[in-house]
Amino acid sequence: MKDSIFYDGPDERFEWERLQDKNDCIFFDKKSMADSCVRLDELVEELYTILDVENYTNFSYTASKVAQASKDKTIIRMVLWHLYLANQGHPDQYVAISLRSDTFKYCNIYNPYKICKRISPILHKMHENGLIDFHSGFMNPKTSKFTRIRSSLCLAEKLNGLPHDLTEISNAVQPIIFKNRKSKKVIGDFLDMSDNDVVDAKNTVIEYNKMMAYHRIRLKGHQHSRFFWKDSTGRNHVSHLDRRFLYSVVHVDVDVDVGASLLYFRMHGPSWQGMPKRFRQNLLIDDAETIELDYTAQILNIAASLSGIQLGQDPYNINIGLGNISYKSNKAIMKKAIVIMLNCDSESSAVKALRSSIQDDSELLDEVRSCIVNFKMTELIVSNFFKKIIENYPFLEELSFRSMGLSLFKLDAEIARRIIQRHLDADKVILPIHDGFVVKKEDEDFLLDAMRGSWAERFNTTIGVKKENSDI
């Protein structure tokens, strides 16, 4: 390692014997940047000078030196922000970042700060100067490879000197994002904004984001706007509670004979959508306690309603051929199976997808194996799940293995917009989670009426609405 003014003495140069759990990391998020902070800006300037970025021969300047310096400082600022977040979790935590060139496309809606591939040589310069620990390529071989970086003890000390309540910049993104259905890539210019569903989605999202700019979302017991948690696989997450703005994703399916079909329309963006329920139940809206209500088996109920069929109160309570497994596990497999059979374009691909999904869910697989001696998740057994489901719900046969999922999600997004609009009209805050919604406890009855009423307006059926661990 080269000398750095961050080092006080030679002993600190041999610090990489610290705990090295390569899976203990948070993931670099191009949409996440620290809000204004004078001390962070001073640290950015200090590192820019140390790294001597301007004179780094591997860099090619395509803009004026002033403009390029600003871009490089933005990169350094975002790197420091993520190292700061990781360090807030604990000092040995890494930041996982993909350094593939296509990760940092300059004109990408998911890259609002225009972080470019120059981030790679900047990180290498930080490593050469002893500012970060740098390891290339790791993670599950089924996923993309990531580089992991971690602040040196010296840099960590600098980061610890920053305010402990640093927050993420809270910016609303554009209300509609168009994606190619097949490639899933963002379509930069899609000109048909006159479609009624597009207009409705755009207006709802814009009005919602304007309202949310004046409201505060926090977690009970947490002082800051961010918190750290682990999922069932042990992966680390950082939730930024100030990330509260919606955008609607529209998948465009182009057919040379019938033109473009617009599908999906589900709304994404806010941090609470990715939280497990065990955390969402502690959400506060303007310091008021909240309640979450969810539709019961929404996609299955939508599919049934399209055929004019009224389902029972608990559509998941059927035998899928696994004997005495728990209701919870039976339901989990059914939910996976229904979503997969509606989204896949063939039964063979659905069988492979469901088998892989169950095998990756170690807790679910262990529960099944504890009930069935010598159980093996063969493709024949998985195929039988689909047959059992269709036997109980024949209306699914004409919808299954035909890539109909995005069309059904478009209907659930329409219902969500109706529910959101009712709350906007009543000046009430609502936090959408696709098939569920969070509101202040005092607004529970209003939400229940909105969910039942919006469903009745769209379908000539009824649907169950439930709270956590209870039905209404």
Protein backbone atom coordinates (compact mmCIF):
# COMPACT_ATOMS: atom_id res chain seq x y z
CA MET A 1 0.00 0.00 0.00
CA LYS A 2 1.20 3.50 -0.77
CA ASP A 3 1.63 6.15 1.88
CA SER A 4 -1.41 8.22 2.71
CA ILE A 5 -1.84 11.21 4.98
CA PHE A 6 -4.57 9.18 6.67
CA TYR A 7 -1.92 6.95 8.25
CA ASP A 8 -0.47 8.00 11.61
CA GLY A 9 2.15 5.25 11.70
CA PRO A 10 3.27 2.01 10.06
CA ASP A 11 1.37 -0.30 12.42
CA GLU A 12 -1.96 0.72 10.91
CA ARG A 13 -0.98 -0.51 7.46
CA PHE A 14 -1.51 -4.14 8.44
CA GLU A 15 -5.14 -3.97 9.41
CA TRP A 16 -6.74 -6.41 6.97
CA GLU A 17 -6.66 -9.25 9.49
CA ARG A 18 -10.03 -7.93 10.65
CA LEU A 19 -13.06 -10.19 10.43
CA GLN A 20 -13.69 -11.03 6.77
CA ASP A 21 -17.17 -12.44 6.21
CA LYS A 22 -17.61 -11.82 2.48
CA ASN A 23 -21.38 -12.16 2.71
CA ASP A 24 -21.67 -9.53 5.44
CA CYS A 25 -22.36 -6.55 3.21
CA ILE A 26 -24.81 -3.95 2.05
CA PHE A 27 -25.35 -3.38 -1.67
CA PHE A 28 -24.32 -0.26 -3.57
CA ASP A 29 -27.40 1.64 -4.73
CA LYS A 30 -26.95 4.16 -7.55
CA LYS A 31 -30.15 5.91 -6.46
CA SER A 32 -28.86 6.60 -2.95
CA MET A 33 -26.87 9.73 -2.14
CA ALA A 34 -26.22 11.56 1.14
CA ASP A 35 -28.09 14.79 1.75
CA SER A 36 -26.19 18.04 2.27
CA CYS A 37 -23.44 17.86 4.91
CA VAL A 38 -20.53 20.32 5.14
CA ARG A 39 -18.24 17.82 6.88
CA LEU A 40 -18.89 15.18 4.22
CA ASP A 41 -18.17 17.73 1.50
CA GLU A 42 -14.88 18.57 3.22
CA LEU A 43 -13.96 14.87 3.34
CA VAL A 44 -14.77 14.55 -0.39
CA GLU A 45 -12.41 17.45 -1.15
CA GLU A 46 -9.71 15.89 1.05
CA LEU A 47 -9.92 12.53 -0.74
CA TYR A 48 -10.02 14.17 -4.16
CA THR A 49 -6.70 15.81 -3.33
CA ILE A 50 -5.18 12.64 -1.86
CA LEU A 51 -6.17 10.52 -4.85
CA ASP A 52 -4.87 13.11 -7.33
CA VAL A 53 -7.69 12.07 -9.63
CA GLU A 54 -7.18 14.94 -12.02
CA ASN A 55 -3.69 13.74 -12.94
CA TYR A 56 -4.45 10.03 -13.02
CA THR A 57 -3.17 8.96 -16.45
CA ASN A 58 -5.73 6.16 -16.82
CA PHE A 59 -8.52 8.73 -16.97
CA SER A 60 -9.56 10.30 -20.25
CA TYR A 61 -11.22 13.68 -19.97
CA THR A 62 -14.11 14.25 -22.31
CA ALA A 63 -15.35 17.41 -20.62
CA SER A 64 -13.82 20.53 -19.14
CA LYS A 65 -11.64 19.97 -16.09
CA VAL A 66 -14.12 21.77 -13.87
CA ALA A 67 -17.05 19.68 -15.08
CA GLN A 68 -15.05 16.46 -14.83
CA ALA A 69 -13.87 17.31 -11.33
CA SER A 70 -17.49 17.78 -10.28
CA LYS A 71 -18.41 14.35 -11.68
CA ASP A 72 -15.47 12.67 -9.96
CA LYS A 73 -16.35 14.30 -6.64
CA THR A 74 -19.92 13.04 -7.03
CA ILE A 75 -18.54 9.50 -7.42
CA ILE A 76 -16.31 9.89 -4.34
CA ARG A 77 -19.24 11.33 -2.39
CA MET A 78 -21.48 8.36 -3.23
CA VAL A 79 -18.73 5.87 -2.38
CA LEU A 80 -18.14 7.57 0.98
CA TRP A 81 -21.89 7.61 1.66
CA HIS A 82 -22.14 3.84 1.17
CA LEU A 83 -19.00 3.19 3.24
CA TYR A 84 -20.55 5.42 5.94
CA LEU A 85 -23.76 3.33 5.86
CA ALA A 86 -21.83 0.06 6.05
CA ASN A 87 -19.79 1.43 8.93
CA GLN A 88 -22.98 2.40 10.74
CA GLY A 89 -23.98 -1.27 10.64
CA HIS A 90 -20.63 -2.35 12.10
CA PRO A 91 -16.98 -1.56 11.26
CA ASP A 92 -16.25 -4.84 9.45
CA GLN A 93 -19.19 -4.68 7.04
CA TYR A 94 -18.52 -4.47 3.30
CA VAL A 95 -20.23 -2.65 0.44
CA ALA A 96 -20.96 -4.98 -2.49
CA ILE A 97 -20.71 -3.27 -5.87
CA SER A 98 -20.76 -4.54 -9.44
CA LEU A 99 -18.04 -2.94 -11.53
CA ARG A 100 -19.27 -4.26 -14.87
CA SER A 101 -19.25 -1.44 -17.42
CA ASP A 102 -22.96 -1.86 -18.20
CA THR A 103 -23.82 -1.34 -14.51
CA PHE A 104 -23.21 2.39 -14.81
CA LYS A 105 -25.08 3.42 -17.91
CA TYR A 106 -24.97 7.19 -17.93
CA CYS A 107 -28.50 7.79 -19.19
CA ASN A 108 -30.46 5.42 -17.00
CA ILE A 109 -33.47 6.27 -14.86
CA TYR A 110 -31.99 4.13 -12.09
CA ASN A 111 -28.75 6.14 -12.18
CA PRO A 112 -30.00 9.67 -11.36
CA TYR A 113 -26.59 10.98 -10.23
CA LYS A 114 -24.97 9.82 -13.49
CA ILE A 115 -22.35 7.64 -11.81
CA CYS A 116 -20.16 6.39 -14.66
CA LYS A 117 -17.62 3.60 -15.09
CA ARG A 118 -14.90 5.96 -13.86
CA ILE A 119 -15.94 4.69 -10.44
CA SER A 120 -13.76 1.61 -11.03
CA PRO A 121 -10.38 3.41 -11.35
CA ILE A 122 -11.36 5.74 -8.48
CA LEU A 123 -11.93 2.72 -6.25
CA HIS A 124 -8.60 1.26 -7.33
CA LYS A 125 -6.92 4.58 -6.45
CA MET A 126 -8.59 4.48 -3.03
CA HIS A 127 -7.24 0.97 -2.54
CA GLU A 128 -3.71 1.95 -3.64
CA ASN A 129 -3.77 4.77 -1.10
CA GLY A 130 -4.84 2.46 1.72
CA LEU A 131 -8.29 3.99 2.09
CA ILE A 132 -10.30 0.86 1.39
CA ASP A 133 -10.04 -2.91 1.49
CA PHE A 134 -10.83 -4.20 -2.01
CA HIS A 135 -11.75 -7.75 -3.09
CA SER A 136 -12.91 -8.68 -6.59
CA GLY A 137 -15.64 -11.15 -7.41
CA PHE A 138 -17.73 -12.97 -4.85
CA MET A 139 -21.30 -13.94 -3.97
CA ASN A 140 -23.47 -16.86 -4.99
CA PRO A 141 -22.36 -18.29 -8.37
CA LYS A 142 -26.01 -18.18 -9.49
CA THR A 143 -25.94 -14.38 -9.22
CA SER A 144 -23.75 -11.69 -10.68
CA LYS A 145 -20.25 -11.28 -9.30
CA PHE A 146 -19.64 -8.28 -7.07
CA THR A 147 -16.57 -6.50 -5.82
CA ARG A 148 -16.62 -5.82 -2.10
CA ILE A 149 -15.06 -2.75 -0.53
CA ARG A 150 -14.64 -1.73 3.09
CA SER A 151 -13.21 1.41 4.67
CA SER A 152 -9.78 1.15 6.25
CA LEU A 153 -9.64 1.76 10.00
CA CYS A 154 -8.25 5.21 9.27
CA LEU A 155 -11.02 6.12 6.85
CA ALA A 156 -13.58 4.55 9.18
CA GLU A 157 -12.40 6.95 11.88
CA LYS A 158 -13.05 9.84 9.51
CA LEU A 159 -16.50 8.47 8.67
CA ASN A 160 -17.30 8.06 12.35
CA GLY A 161 -16.56 11.76 12.72
CA LEU A 162 -19.48 12.61 10.44
CA PRO A 163 -22.90 13.34 11.95
CA HIS A 164 -24.69 10.12 12.96
CA ASP A 165 -27.99 11.37 11.55
CA LEU A 166 -26.91 11.80 7.93
CA THR A 167 -29.89 11.13 5.66
CA GLU A 168 -30.43 10.18 2.05
CA ILE A 169 -31.50 12.80 -0.47
CA SER A 170 -35.22 12.35 -0.91
CA ASN A 171 -36.03 12.91 -4.57
CA ALA A 172 -39.17 11.97 -6.47
CA VAL A 173 -38.40 10.11 -9.70
CA GLN A 174 -40.34 10.43 -12.94
CA PRO A 175 -43.87 9.05 -12.46
CA ILE A 176 -43.86 6.48 -15.30
CA ILE A 177 -41.01 4.16 -16.26
CA PHE A 178 -41.44 2.12 -19.44
CA LYS A 179 -39.66 -1.22 -19.84
CA ASN A 180 -39.41 -3.64 -22.70
CA ARG A 181 -41.37 -6.70 -21.59
CA LYS A 182 -38.88 -9.22 -22.95
CA SER A 183 -35.54 -7.57 -22.21
CA LYS A 184 -36.72 -5.76 -19.05
CA LYS A 185 -34.58 -2.80 -20.17
CA VAL A 186 -35.81 0.74 -19.63
CA ILE A 187 -37.21 2.35 -22.77
CA GLY A 188 -35.97 5.92 -22.84
CA ASP A 189 -38.54 7.37 -25.21
CA PHE A 190 -42.02 5.90 -25.28
CA LEU A 191 -44.31 8.51 -26.75
CA ASP A 192 -47.82 7.08 -26.18
CA MET A 193 -48.64 9.04 -23.02
CA SER A 194 -52.28 9.39 -24.12
CA ASP A 195 -53.24 5.84 -23.10
CA ASN A 196 -55.96 6.13 -20.44
CA ASP A 197 -54.17 3.84 -17.99
CA VAL A 198 -50.91 5.74 -18.44
CA VAL A 199 -52.66 9.07 -17.85
CA ASP A 200 -54.44 7.70 -14.78
CA ALA A 201 -51.25 6.19 -13.33
CA LYS A 202 -49.23 9.34 -14.01
CA ASN A 203 -51.79 11.66 -12.39
CA THR A 204 -52.18 9.44 -9.31
CA VAL A 205 -48.43 9.11 -8.79
CA ILE A 206 -47.79 12.85 -9.21
CA GLU A 207 -50.55 13.77 -6.77
CA TYR A 208 -49.38 11.13 -4.28
CA ASN A 209 -45.75 12.28 -4.38
CA LYS A 210 -46.77 15.90 -3.85
CA MET A 211 -48.69 14.86 -0.73
CA MET A 212 -45.88 12.65 0.64
CA ALA A 213 -43.38 15.52 0.48
CA TYR A 214 -45.10 16.91 3.60
CA HIS A 215 -45.29 13.73 5.68
CA ARG A 216 -42.74 11.88 7.81
CA ILE A 217 -42.30 8.09 7.90
CA ARG A 218 -40.32 6.50 10.71
CA LEU A 219 -40.04 3.25 12.66
CA LYS A 220 -41.05 3.01 16.28
CA GLY A 221 -37.93 2.90 18.42
CA HIS A 222 -35.63 4.22 15.67
CA GLN A 223 -34.43 7.81 15.78
CA HIS A 224 -32.91 7.99 12.32
CA SER A 225 -34.39 7.79 8.85
CA ARG A 226 -32.53 4.56 8.09
CA PHE A 227 -32.17 1.18 9.74
CA PHE A 228 -30.36 -2.09 9.09
CA TRP A 229 -31.90 -5.55 8.96
CA LYS A 230 -31.17 -9.08 7.70
CA ASP A 231 -33.46 -11.23 5.58
CA SER A 232 -33.98 -14.98 6.02
CA THR A 233 -30.84 -15.73 3.96
CA GLY A 234 -28.67 -13.53 6.18
CA ARG A 235 -28.31 -10.81 3.55
CA ASN A 236 -28.00 -7.27 4.94
CA HIS A 237 -30.34 -4.47 3.93
CA VAL A 238 -30.51 -0.74 4.57
CA SER A 239 -33.95 0.85 4.48
CA HIS A 240 -34.12 4.61 3.93
CA LEU A 241 -37.45 5.73 5.37
CA ASP A 242 -37.27 9.08 3.57
CA ARG A 243 -37.50 7.12 0.31
CA ARG A 244 -41.27 7.52 0.10
CA PHE A 245 -42.09 8.46 -3.49
CA LEU A 246 -43.84 6.24 -6.04
CA TYR A 247 -43.27 5.52 -9.70
CA SER A 248 -45.33 3.23 -11.92
CA VAL A 249 -43.55 0.60 -14.04
CA VAL A 250 -45.19 -0.12 -17.41
CA HIS A 251 -44.05 -3.12 -19.45
CA VAL A 252 -44.36 -2.60 -23.20
CA ASP A 253 -45.06 -5.69 -25.30
CA VAL A 254 -44.59 -4.81 -28.96
CA ASP A 255 -46.39 -6.99 -31.52
CA VAL A 256 -45.98 -6.19 -35.23
CA ASP A 257 -49.60 -7.18 -35.89
CA VAL A 258 -51.48 -5.57 -32.99
CA GLY A 259 -49.07 -2.82 -31.91
CA ALA A 260 -47.88 -2.16 -28.36
CA SER A 261 -49.61 -3.64 -25.32
CA LEU A 262 -49.08 -1.87 -22.00
CA LEU A 263 -48.94 -4.17 -18.99
CA TYR A 264 -48.09 -4.40 -15.28
CA PHE A 265 -48.40 -0.76 -14.01
CA ARG A 266 -47.50 -1.73 -10.43
CA MET A 267 -46.10 1.10 -8.29
CA HIS A 268 -42.63 0.88 -6.78
CA GLY A 269 -40.12 3.10 -4.99
CA PRO A 270 -40.83 3.49 -1.25
CA SER A 271 -38.62 1.74 1.29
CA TRP A 272 -41.51 0.12 3.16
CA GLN A 273 -42.38 -2.08 0.17
CA GLY A 274 -39.23 -4.13 0.69
CA MET A 275 -39.58 -4.48 4.45
CA PRO A 276 -40.72 -7.71 6.10
CA LYS A 277 -44.02 -7.40 7.95
CA ARG A 278 -42.24 -7.71 11.29
CA PHE A 279 -40.81 -4.25 10.64
CA ARG A 280 -43.76 -2.72 8.81
CA GLN A 281 -45.96 -3.22 11.87
CA ASN A 282 -43.74 -0.65 13.62
CA LEU A 283 -44.12 2.04 10.94
CA LEU A 284 -45.15 5.49 12.11
CA ILE A 285 -46.88 8.07 9.91
CA ASP A 286 -46.22 11.53 11.35
CA ASP A 287 -45.46 9.80 14.68
CA ALA A 288 -48.87 8.04 14.68
CA GLU A 289 -49.08 4.25 14.98
CA THR A 290 -50.25 2.35 11.91
CA ILE A 291 -52.21 -0.69 10.76
CA GLU A 292 -51.72 -2.82 7.62
CA LEU A 293 -54.58 -4.43 5.71
CA ASP A 294 -54.00 -6.92 2.87
CA TYR A 295 -56.22 -8.53 0.27
CA THR A 296 -56.49 -12.31 0.61
CA ALA A 297 -55.10 -14.19 -2.41
CA GLN A 298 -55.48 -11.14 -4.63
CA ILE A 299 -54.11 -12.49 -7.93
CA LEU A 300 -56.08 -15.74 -7.54
CA ASN A 301 -59.22 -13.71 -6.79
CA ILE A 302 -58.62 -11.50 -9.84
CA ALA A 303 -58.27 -14.57 -12.06
CA ALA A 304 -61.48 -16.04 -10.61
CA SER A 305 -63.39 -12.76 -10.93
CA LEU A 306 -62.52 -12.51 -14.63
CA SER A 307 -64.44 -15.78 -15.03
CA GLY A 308 -67.28 -14.56 -12.82
CA ILE A 309 -66.38 -17.00 -10.03
CA GLN A 310 -66.65 -16.16 -6.35
CA LEU A 311 -63.94 -17.79 -4.25
CA GLY A 312 -64.26 -18.79 -0.62
CA GLN A 313 -62.80 -16.94 2.33
CA ASP A 314 -59.51 -18.90 2.24
CA PRO A 315 -58.63 -19.96 -1.34
CA TYR A 316 -55.25 -21.35 -0.26
CA ASN A 317 -56.78 -24.02 1.95
CA ILE A 318 -56.62 -26.91 -0.53
CA ASN A 319 -54.61 -30.12 -0.62
CA ILE A 320 -51.70 -29.94 -3.06
CA GLY A 321 -50.61 -33.51 -2.40
CA LEU A 322 -48.00 -33.13 0.33
CA GLY A 323 -49.80 -34.88 3.13
CA ASN A 324 -49.52 -33.42 6.62
CA ILE A 325 -47.38 -30.37 6.00
CA SER A 326 -48.43 -27.25 7.90
CA TYR A 327 -51.00 -24.85 6.54
CA LYS A 328 -48.30 -22.16 6.43
CA SER A 329 -46.03 -24.26 4.20
CA ASN A 330 -48.92 -25.43 2.01
CA LYS A 331 -49.93 -21.79 1.52
CA ALA A 332 -46.36 -20.72 0.76
CA ILE A 333 -46.03 -23.35 -1.98
CA MET A 334 -49.44 -22.44 -3.42
CA LYS A 335 -48.58 -18.75 -3.58
CA LYS A 336 -45.30 -19.48 -5.35
CA ALA A 337 -46.99 -21.93 -7.73
CA ILE A 338 -49.85 -19.62 -8.74
CA VAL A 339 -47.59 -16.64 -9.47
CA ILE A 340 -45.18 -18.83 -11.47
CA MET A 341 -47.84 -20.68 -13.48
CA LEU A 342 -49.43 -17.35 -14.44
CA ASN A 343 -46.12 -15.75 -15.42
CA CYS A 344 -44.36 -18.56 -17.30
CA ASP A 345 -44.93 -19.26 -20.98
CA SER A 346 -44.77 -23.05 -20.68
CA GLU A 347 -45.40 -25.75 -18.11
CA SER A 348 -41.82 -27.03 -18.36
CA SER A 349 -40.35 -23.62 -17.54
CA ALA A 350 -42.88 -23.20 -14.70
CA VAL A 351 -41.89 -26.58 -13.21
CA LYS A 352 -38.21 -25.62 -13.25
CA ALA A 353 -38.93 -22.18 -11.78
CA LEU A 354 -41.10 -23.51 -8.93
CA ARG A 355 -38.68 -26.33 -8.13
CA SER A 356 -35.81 -23.85 -7.95
CA SER A 357 -37.85 -21.42 -5.82
CA ILE A 358 -38.74 -24.10 -3.27
CA GLN A 359 -35.20 -25.49 -3.13
CA ASP A 360 -33.85 -21.98 -2.51
CA ASP A 361 -36.26 -21.55 0.41
CA SER A 362 -34.39 -23.65 2.97
CA GLU A 363 -36.88 -23.04 5.78
CA LEU A 364 -39.81 -24.20 3.64
CA LEU A 365 -37.92 -27.21 2.27
CA ASP A 366 -36.83 -28.29 5.76
CA GLU A 367 -40.42 -28.15 7.00
CA VAL A 368 -41.64 -30.33 4.12
CA ARG A 369 -38.82 -32.85 4.68
CA SER A 370 -39.64 -33.02 8.39
CA CYS A 371 -43.15 -34.19 7.49
CA ILE A 372 -42.30 -36.55 4.61
CA VAL A 373 -39.54 -39.14 5.06
CA ASN A 374 -36.96 -39.29 2.24
CA PHE A 375 -38.73 -36.47 0.40
CA LYS A 376 -37.18 -35.27 -2.87
CA MET A 377 -38.40 -32.24 -4.79
CA THR A 378 -38.58 -33.90 -8.21
CA GLU A 379 -40.00 -32.26 -11.31
CA LEU A 380 -42.82 -34.83 -11.29
CA ILE A 381 -43.89 -33.80 -7.79
CA VAL A 382 -43.70 -30.10 -8.72
CA SER A 383 -45.76 -30.71 -11.87
CA ASN A 384 -48.35 -32.40 -9.68
CA PHE A 385 -48.69 -29.19 -7.63
CA PHE A 386 -49.93 -27.40 -10.75
CA LYS A 387 -52.35 -30.22 -11.58
CA LYS A 388 -53.82 -30.17 -8.06
CA ILE A 389 -54.30 -26.40 -8.19
CA ILE A 390 -56.03 -26.53 -11.58
CA GLU A 391 -58.24 -29.42 -10.40
CA ASN A 392 -59.47 -27.18 -7.59
CA TYR A 393 -59.61 -24.02 -9.73
CA PRO A 394 -60.40 -25.01 -13.36
CA PHE A 395 -60.63 -21.34 -14.42
CA LEU A 396 -56.82 -21.18 -14.10
CA GLU A 397 -56.29 -23.63 -16.95
CA GLU A 398 -56.85 -21.07 -19.71
CA LEU A 399 -54.63 -18.52 -17.93
CA SER A 400 -51.73 -20.79 -16.96
CA PHE A 401 -48.42 -21.13 -18.83
CA ARG A 402 -49.36 -18.25 -21.17
CA SER A 403 -47.41 -15.35 -19.61
CA MET A 404 -50.61 -13.75 -18.31
CA GLY A 405 -49.14 -12.49 -15.03
CA LEU A 406 -48.37 -8.94 -16.16
CA SER A 407 -51.96 -8.54 -17.44
CA LEU A 408 -53.33 -9.58 -14.05
CA PHE A 409 -50.88 -7.32 -12.23
CA LYS A 410 -52.20 -4.45 -14.36
CA LEU A 411 -55.63 -5.05 -12.82
CA ASP A 412 -54.27 -5.17 -9.27
CA ALA A 413 -52.41 -1.90 -9.97
CA GLU A 414 -55.68 -0.34 -11.16
CA ILE A 415 -57.38 -1.32 -7.89
CA ALA A 416 -54.44 0.09 -5.91
CA ARG A 417 -54.75 3.43 -7.71
CA ARG A 418 -58.47 3.57 -6.87
CA ILE A 419 -57.69 2.98 -3.18
CA ILE A 420 -54.89 5.55 -3.18
CA GLN A 421 -57.12 8.13 -4.91
CA ARG A 422 -59.82 7.73 -2.27
CA HIS A 423 -57.24 8.54 0.39
CA LEU A 424 -55.85 11.48 -1.57
CA ASP A 425 -59.35 12.92 -1.97
CA ALA A 426 -59.84 12.61 1.80
CA ASP A 427 -56.36 14.03 2.56
CA LYS A 428 -55.30 10.83 4.31
CA VAL A 429 -51.81 9.30 4.09
CA ILE A 430 -51.59 5.74 2.73
CA LEU A 431 -48.52 3.58 2.15
CA PRO A 432 -49.12 1.09 -0.71
CA ILE A 433 -47.53 -2.38 -0.71
CA HIS A 434 -49.02 -3.83 -3.92
CA ASP A 435 -51.81 -6.03 -2.45
CA GLY A 436 -51.71 -4.37 0.97
CA PHE A 437 -51.77 -0.88 2.45
CA VAL A 438 -50.60 0.83 5.63
CA VAL A 439 -52.50 3.73 7.22
CA LYS A 440 -52.76 5.39 10.62
CA LYS A 441 -54.75 3.25 13.07
CA GLU A 442 -57.43 5.93 13.18
CA ASP A 443 -57.96 5.44 9.42
CA GLU A 444 -58.41 1.64 9.52
CA ASP A 445 -62.17 1.74 8.83
CA PHE A 446 -61.67 4.20 5.97
CA LEU A 447 -59.07 1.90 4.38
CA LEU A 448 -61.29 -1.16 4.81
CA ASP A 449 -64.19 0.61 3.07
CA ALA A 450 -61.85 1.81 0.30
CA MET A 451 -60.48 -1.70 -0.31
CA ARG A 452 -63.89 -3.34 -0.41
CA GLY A 453 -65.44 -0.52 -2.43
CA SER A 454 -62.63 -0.36 -5.01
CA TRP A 455 -62.83 -4.12 -5.53
CA ALA A 456 -66.62 -4.01 -5.94
CA GLU A 457 -66.32 -1.18 -8.49
CA ARG A 458 -64.03 -3.30 -10.67
CA PHE A 459 -65.40 -6.83 -10.16
CA ASN A 460 -68.77 -8.34 -9.43
CA THR A 461 -67.30 -10.41 -6.58
CA THR A 462 -66.08 -9.95 -3.03
CA ILE A 463 -62.63 -10.58 -1.57
CA GLY A 464 -61.29 -11.16 1.92
CA VAL A 465 -59.32 -8.43 3.69
CA LYS A 466 -57.01 -9.35 6.55
CA LYS A 467 -54.83 -7.83 9.20
CA GLU A 468 -51.67 -9.57 10.35
CA ASN A 469 -52.72 -12.82 12.08
CA SER A 470 -56.44 -12.08 11.69
CA ASP A 471 -59.24 -11.79 9.15
CA ILE A 472 -61.81 -9.02 8.86
